[in-house]
Amino acid sequence: MLAGYRFITFRALRRTQAFSAIRGRRTITTTTKEMPPIPPLFALQVPQSVPPTQAAPGTGSFVCTQPAPEVYLLSFESPPDNRLTPAFNSTFALALDIIEQTLSRGVFYSNGLDFENAIKDPTFMPGSLFPLWRRLITFPMPTVALINGHAFAGGIMTAMMHDYRIMNPHKGFLCLNELEFGASLQPPMASIFRVKLGMTTVRTMILESKRYPALEALKEGMLDGVGGLQETLAFIDEYKLTQKAKSPSYGKIKEELYREVVKDLDDGASLQELHTARDLDRSRREMEAKRRVNEYLVATGGRAKL
């Protein structure tokens, strides 16, 4: 069972790592400063980008452990800050495949992500990011994201692809800050919030780039609880997520439940054409507006400067 996806970052061996805990069919992501050593079930290396970039200078790794029965913790590190790159995404997807195909159903946990530099590649979203998100939102186990600190932009979007979210109540904010750096939202980046949250909250998140601390995010429905790994495991037990993970229809039900988001993710290959058409239409409307203003100024004796 994959108990949703929750973002967790652990400090171990002087390295920052992200973990995914899978129990039943929910995924949980959490962050903590200390984590006792647990023998790994498997480990994957993130291939180095070619050529290496300043944002992704070296390789990273995904390590899966089992901290409790039917709970799998997927930890990852990709220096310097777990950026969403094609190599990272494909390794993440492979780890999910291994968990689903070779381990008993459980709970999964993952860390918040940053993809600002990755969007420079026009094939990144339709060819790498969106397939990963589709895998998460339709994963045939419950997923829980345990968030230990800030989850901005791609981080909060990836967290929203989980079924449940739990966050450290003492530090960090949730924020969609695309407005601050002039980025537009692709259709699935907006529809995931429309489907899961109320429109007033969505408007505030997107059009005001508001930063939500954990308790306020819980009140607005972005989170299902607050705490760390132990609270997440208790959440899984309370809602019997490991039992629900045994249902063969879990993934199919999620695909229908979130079909608007799934469709937007599947249509990713045509998004560039859609945005080009929208840009052209926007330019046409702006030119028509300027023409009408000019005509008004001339008609009223004003001086047209547009």
Protein backbone atom coordinates (compact mmCIF):
# COMPACT_ATOMS: atom_id res chain seq x y z
CA MET A 1 0.00 0.00 0.00
CA LEU A 2 1.26 3.44 -0.88
CA ALA A 3 0.00 5.78 1.79
CA GLY A 4 -0.12 8.97 -0.18
CA TYR A 5 2.88 11.24 -0.55
CA ARG A 6 4.20 13.54 2.09
CA PHE A 7 7.39 15.55 1.85
CA ILE A 8 9.99 14.79 4.50
CA THR A 9 13.60 15.90 4.77
CA PHE A 10 15.98 14.10 7.13
CA ARG A 11 19.42 15.12 8.35
CA ALA A 12 21.72 12.10 8.39
CA LEU A 13 25.44 11.69 7.93
CA ARG A 14 25.62 15.47 7.53
CA ARG A 15 23.47 15.26 4.40
CA THR A 16 19.92 16.43 3.76
CA GLN A 17 17.74 13.60 2.53
CA ALA A 18 14.07 13.24 1.61
CA PHE A 19 12.04 10.19 2.51
CA SER A 20 8.86 8.43 1.44
CA ALA A 21 7.06 6.08 3.81
CA ILE A 22 4.57 3.66 2.32
CA ARG A 23 2.07 1.90 4.50
CA GLY A 24 -0.97 0.16 3.10
CA ARG A 25 -1.69 2.32 0.08
CA ARG A 26 -0.80 5.77 1.32
CA THR A 27 2.34 7.78 0.92
CA ILE A 28 3.80 9.99 3.64
CA THR A 29 6.52 12.56 3.30
CA THR A 30 8.23 13.94 6.41
CA THR A 31 11.25 15.93 7.47
CA THR A 32 13.31 15.53 10.62
CA LYS A 33 16.80 16.35 11.81
CA GLU A 34 17.77 12.88 12.99
CA MET A 35 16.98 9.43 11.66
CA PRO A 36 18.36 6.18 13.11
CA PRO A 37 20.15 4.00 10.55
CA ILE A 38 17.86 1.47 8.88
CA PRO A 39 19.17 -1.23 6.53
CA PRO A 40 18.10 -0.36 2.96
CA LEU A 41 15.80 -2.57 0.90
CA PHE A 42 17.25 -1.09 -2.29
CA ALA A 43 19.20 1.93 -3.50
CA LEU A 44 19.23 3.76 -6.83
CA GLN A 45 21.72 6.27 -8.18
CA VAL A 46 20.50 9.38 -9.99
CA PRO A 47 22.46 9.60 -13.26
CA GLN A 48 24.60 12.69 -13.71
CA SER A 49 23.24 15.27 -16.14
CA VAL A 50 25.15 15.66 -19.38
CA PRO A 51 26.74 18.11 -19.29
CA PRO A 52 26.69 18.79 -15.52
CA THR A 53 25.04 22.09 -14.59
CA GLN A 54 25.50 24.46 -11.68
CA ALA A 55 21.99 23.57 -10.50
CA ALA A 56 22.67 19.82 -10.71
CA PRO A 57 26.43 19.41 -10.40
CA GLY A 58 26.56 15.78 -9.31
CA THR A 59 24.65 12.57 -8.87
CA GLY A 60 22.13 11.79 -6.19
CA SER A 61 20.47 8.70 -4.79
CA PHE A 62 17.19 7.13 -3.70
CA VAL A 63 17.30 4.70 -0.78
CA CYS A 64 14.31 2.64 0.36
CA THR A 65 14.09 1.37 3.95
CA GLN A 66 11.36 -0.20 6.08
CA PRO A 67 11.04 1.61 9.44
CA ALA A 68 7.89 -0.34 10.43
CA PRO A 69 5.83 -3.27 9.11
CA GLU A 70 4.26 -2.40 5.74
CA VAL A 71 5.83 1.06 5.88
CA TYR A 72 8.46 1.94 3.30
CA LEU A 73 10.60 5.02 3.56
CA LEU A 74 12.00 6.31 0.28
CA SER A 75 14.80 8.77 0.97
CA PHE A 76 16.44 10.83 -1.73
CA GLU A 77 19.16 13.40 -2.10
CA SER A 78 20.17 15.20 -5.27
CA PRO A 79 22.61 18.03 -4.54
CA PRO A 80 22.29 20.85 -4.05
CA ASP A 81 18.53 21.01 -3.45
CA ASN A 82 16.66 18.08 -5.00
CA ARG A 83 15.79 19.89 -8.21
CA LEU A 84 13.35 18.28 -10.61
CA THR A 85 15.51 17.18 -13.52
CA PRO A 86 14.74 14.45 -16.07
CA ALA A 87 17.31 12.14 -14.44
CA PHE A 88 15.85 12.77 -10.98
CA ASN A 89 12.27 12.24 -12.16
CA SER A 90 13.04 9.00 -14.02
CA THR A 91 14.86 7.60 -10.97
CA PHE A 92 11.95 8.64 -8.75
CA ALA A 93 9.53 6.86 -11.08
CA LEU A 94 11.70 3.72 -11.09
CA ALA A 95 11.72 3.69 -7.28
CA LEU A 96 7.90 3.85 -7.30
CA ASP A 97 7.79 0.98 -9.80
CA ILE A 98 10.04 -1.16 -7.60
CA ILE A 99 7.92 -0.44 -4.54
CA GLU A 100 4.69 -1.28 -6.32
CA GLN A 101 5.92 -4.37 -8.13
CA THR A 102 8.21 -6.02 -5.58
CA LEU A 103 7.14 -4.93 -2.08
CA SER A 104 3.92 -5.52 -0.16
CA ARG A 105 1.47 -2.66 -0.20
CA GLY A 106 2.45 0.13 2.16
CA VAL A 107 2.93 3.89 2.71
CA PHE A 108 5.22 6.21 0.70
CA TYR A 109 7.02 9.41 1.70
CA SER A 110 8.83 12.05 -0.43
CA ASN A 111 10.40 15.50 -0.16
CA GLY A 112 9.44 18.88 -1.61
CA LEU A 113 11.04 19.79 -4.91
CA ASP A 114 12.28 22.81 -6.84
CA PHE A 115 12.06 22.91 -10.63
CA GLU A 116 12.77 26.53 -11.53
CA ASN A 117 15.83 25.73 -13.64
CA ALA A 118 14.30 22.62 -15.21
CA ILE A 119 11.56 24.58 -16.98
CA LYS A 120 14.14 25.93 -19.41
CA ASP A 121 13.85 22.64 -21.31
CA PRO A 122 10.63 22.71 -23.41
CA THR A 123 10.37 18.91 -23.21
CA PHE A 124 10.82 18.74 -19.45
CA MET A 125 7.21 19.16 -18.37
CA PRO A 126 5.45 16.93 -20.93
CA GLY A 127 8.26 14.38 -21.07
CA SER A 128 9.43 14.18 -17.46
CA LEU A 129 7.56 16.19 -14.82
CA PHE A 130 3.97 15.48 -15.86
CA PRO A 131 4.49 11.70 -16.21
CA LEU A 132 5.93 11.67 -12.68
CA TRP A 133 2.96 13.63 -11.34
CA ARG A 134 0.54 11.33 -13.17
CA ARG A 135 2.25 8.36 -11.58
CA LEU A 136 1.82 9.90 -8.15
CA ILE A 137 -1.79 11.02 -8.42
CA THR A 138 -2.94 7.63 -9.80
CA PHE A 139 -0.61 5.45 -7.72
CA PRO A 140 -2.52 2.30 -6.68
CA MET A 141 -1.77 2.85 -2.99
CA PRO A 142 -2.64 5.69 -0.60
CA THR A 143 0.02 8.41 -0.56
CA VAL A 144 0.86 10.84 2.24
CA ALA A 145 3.31 13.75 1.93
CA LEU A 146 4.95 14.73 5.21
CA ILE A 147 6.37 18.25 4.81
CA ASN A 148 9.14 19.29 7.20
CA GLY A 149 9.85 22.79 5.92
CA HIS A 150 9.12 25.13 3.03
CA ALA A 151 7.18 23.73 0.06
CA PHE A 152 7.07 26.36 -2.67
CA ALA A 153 6.04 26.17 -6.34
CA GLY A 154 6.92 22.67 -7.60
CA GLY A 155 7.27 21.40 -4.04
CA ILE A 156 3.69 22.18 -3.02
CA MET A 157 2.44 21.01 -6.43
CA THR A 158 4.14 17.64 -5.96
CA ALA A 159 2.75 17.44 -2.43
CA MET A 160 -0.75 18.08 -3.78
CA MET A 161 -0.38 15.06 -6.07
CA HIS A 162 -0.43 12.96 -2.87
CA ASP A 163 -3.68 11.81 -1.32
CA TYR A 164 -2.85 13.31 2.07
CA ARG A 165 -0.45 15.90 3.49
CA ILE A 166 1.06 16.32 6.97
CA MET A 167 3.42 19.16 7.88
CA ASN A 168 5.86 20.15 10.59
CA PRO A 169 3.88 22.74 12.61
CA HIS A 170 6.97 24.60 13.80
CA LYS A 171 8.68 25.74 10.60
CA GLY A 172 8.12 26.26 6.91
CA PHE A 173 5.47 27.73 4.64
CA LEU A 174 3.34 26.49 1.75
CA CYS A 175 3.32 28.94 -1.13
CA LEU A 176 2.62 29.22 -4.84
CA ASN A 177 5.04 32.02 -5.67
CA GLU A 178 4.98 31.87 -9.48
CA LEU A 179 3.57 35.40 -9.52
CA GLU A 180 6.72 36.69 -7.83
CA PHE A 181 9.09 35.42 -10.50
CA GLY A 182 6.83 35.86 -13.50
CA ALA A 183 6.04 32.23 -14.29
CA SER A 184 2.72 31.10 -15.71
CA LEU A 185 0.78 28.07 -14.51
CA GLN A 186 0.39 25.09 -16.81
CA PRO A 187 -3.13 23.55 -16.76
CA PRO A 188 -2.37 20.67 -14.36
CA MET A 189 -0.57 23.07 -12.03
CA ALA A 190 -3.83 24.95 -11.58
CA SER A 191 -6.37 22.13 -11.84
CA ILE A 192 -4.81 20.13 -8.98
CA PHE A 193 -5.62 23.02 -6.62
CA ARG A 194 -9.09 23.63 -8.08
CA VAL A 195 -9.97 19.97 -7.62
CA LYS A 196 -8.68 19.67 -4.07
CA LEU A 197 -9.29 23.11 -2.52
CA GLY A 198 -12.00 25.76 -2.34
CA MET A 199 -11.81 28.51 -4.97
CA THR A 200 -11.35 31.30 -2.42
CA THR A 201 -8.27 29.55 -1.07
CA VAL A 202 -7.01 28.85 -4.59
CA ARG A 203 -7.44 32.52 -5.54
CA THR A 204 -5.50 33.65 -2.49
CA MET A 205 -2.73 31.12 -3.05
CA ILE A 206 -2.22 31.93 -6.72
CA LEU A 207 -3.10 35.61 -7.13
CA GLU A 208 -1.60 36.78 -3.84
CA SER A 209 1.27 34.28 -3.46
CA LYS A 210 0.33 34.03 0.20
CA ARG A 211 2.65 32.06 2.46
CA TYR A 212 0.75 29.63 4.68
CA PRO A 213 2.21 28.28 7.94
CA ALA A 214 1.15 24.75 8.83
CA LEU A 215 -1.76 25.56 11.14
CA GLU A 216 -3.33 28.00 8.68
CA ALA A 217 -2.78 25.56 5.82
CA LEU A 218 -4.55 22.91 7.90
CA LYS A 219 -7.50 25.25 8.42
CA GLU A 220 -7.72 25.94 4.67
CA GLY A 221 -7.73 22.22 3.81
CA MET A 222 -4.26 22.04 2.26
CA LEU A 223 -3.13 19.68 5.01
CA ASP A 224 -4.73 16.72 6.73
CA GLY A 225 -2.64 16.97 9.88
CA VAL A 226 0.48 18.40 11.49
CA GLY A 227 3.46 16.64 13.00
CA GLY A 228 6.39 14.45 12.01
CA LEU A 229 7.02 10.84 11.13
CA GLN A 230 5.44 9.39 14.28
CA GLU A 231 2.28 11.47 13.79
CA THR A 232 2.20 10.34 10.18
CA LEU A 233 2.41 6.68 11.15
CA ALA A 234 -0.36 7.27 13.69
CA PHE A 235 -2.41 8.93 10.93
CA ILE A 236 -1.98 5.84 8.76
CA ASP A 237 -3.10 3.58 11.59
CA GLU A 238 -6.06 5.77 12.49
CA TYR A 239 -7.41 5.80 8.94
CA LYS A 240 -6.48 2.16 8.30
CA LEU A 241 -4.67 3.06 5.14
CA THR A 242 -2.78 -0.20 4.93
CA GLN A 243 -6.08 -2.04 4.73
CA LYS A 244 -7.44 0.25 2.04
CA ALA A 245 -4.28 -0.34 0.04
CA LYS A 246 -5.26 -3.94 -0.52
CA SER A 247 -8.16 -3.00 -2.78
CA PRO A 248 -7.38 -3.68 -6.48
CA SER A 249 -9.59 -0.73 -7.49
CA TYR A 250 -7.76 1.93 -5.50
CA GLY A 251 -5.78 3.28 -8.44
CA LYS A 252 -8.75 3.15 -10.80
CA ILE A 253 -10.92 5.09 -8.37
CA LYS A 254 -8.25 7.78 -8.02
CA GLU A 255 -7.96 8.09 -11.78
CA GLU A 256 -11.68 8.86 -11.99
CA LEU A 257 -11.68 11.03 -8.87
CA TYR A 258 -8.95 13.26 -10.29
CA ARG A 259 -9.78 12.85 -13.96
CA GLU A 260 -9.56 16.61 -14.71
CA VAL A 261 -5.99 16.68 -13.45
CA VAL A 262 -5.15 13.39 -15.16
CA LYS A 263 -6.47 14.73 -18.46
CA ASP A 264 -4.41 17.91 -18.12
CA LEU A 265 -1.32 15.82 -17.43
CA ASP A 266 -2.02 13.53 -20.39
CA ASP A 267 -2.50 16.55 -22.66
CA GLY A 268 0.90 17.90 -21.68
CA ALA A 269 2.41 17.30 -25.11
CA SER A 270 -0.02 19.79 -26.67
CA LEU A 271 0.42 22.47 -24.01
CA GLN A 272 3.04 24.39 -25.98
CA GLU A 273 0.65 24.79 -28.91
CA LEU A 274 -2.09 25.87 -26.51
CA HIS A 275 0.10 28.51 -24.88
CA THR A 276 1.30 29.80 -28.25
CA ALA A 277 -2.31 30.19 -29.39
CA ARG A 278 -3.21 31.97 -26.15
CA ASP A 279 -0.25 34.34 -26.48
CA LEU A 280 -1.31 35.23 -30.02
CA ASP A 281 -4.89 35.80 -28.92
CA ARG A 282 -3.71 37.93 -25.99
CA SER A 283 -1.58 40.07 -28.33
CA ARG A 284 -4.52 40.49 -30.70
CA ARG A 285 -6.79 41.65 -27.88
CA GLU A 286 -4.17 44.12 -26.62
CA MET A 287 -3.79 45.62 -30.11
CA GLU A 288 -7.55 45.95 -30.46
CA ALA A 289 -7.74 47.65 -27.05
CA LYS A 290 -5.04 50.15 -28.06
CA ARG A 291 -6.88 50.87 -31.31
CA ARG A 292 -10.13 51.59 -29.48
CA VAL A 293 -8.39 53.90 -27.03
CA ASN A 294 -6.69 55.77 -29.90
CA GLU A 295 -10.01 56.20 -31.65
CA TYR A 296 -11.55 57.49 -28.43
CA LEU A 297 -8.76 60.00 -27.88
CA VAL A 298 -8.98 61.29 -31.45
CA ALA A 299 -12.76 61.55 -31.24
CA THR A 300 -12.61 63.50 -27.99
CA GLY A 301 -9.82 65.82 -29.08
CA GLY A 302 -7.18 64.15 -26.98
CA ARG A 303 -3.70 63.34 -28.15
CA ALA A 304 -3.09 59.67 -28.90
CA LYS A 305 0.23 58.43 -27.60
CA LEU A 306 -0.37 54.68 -27.76
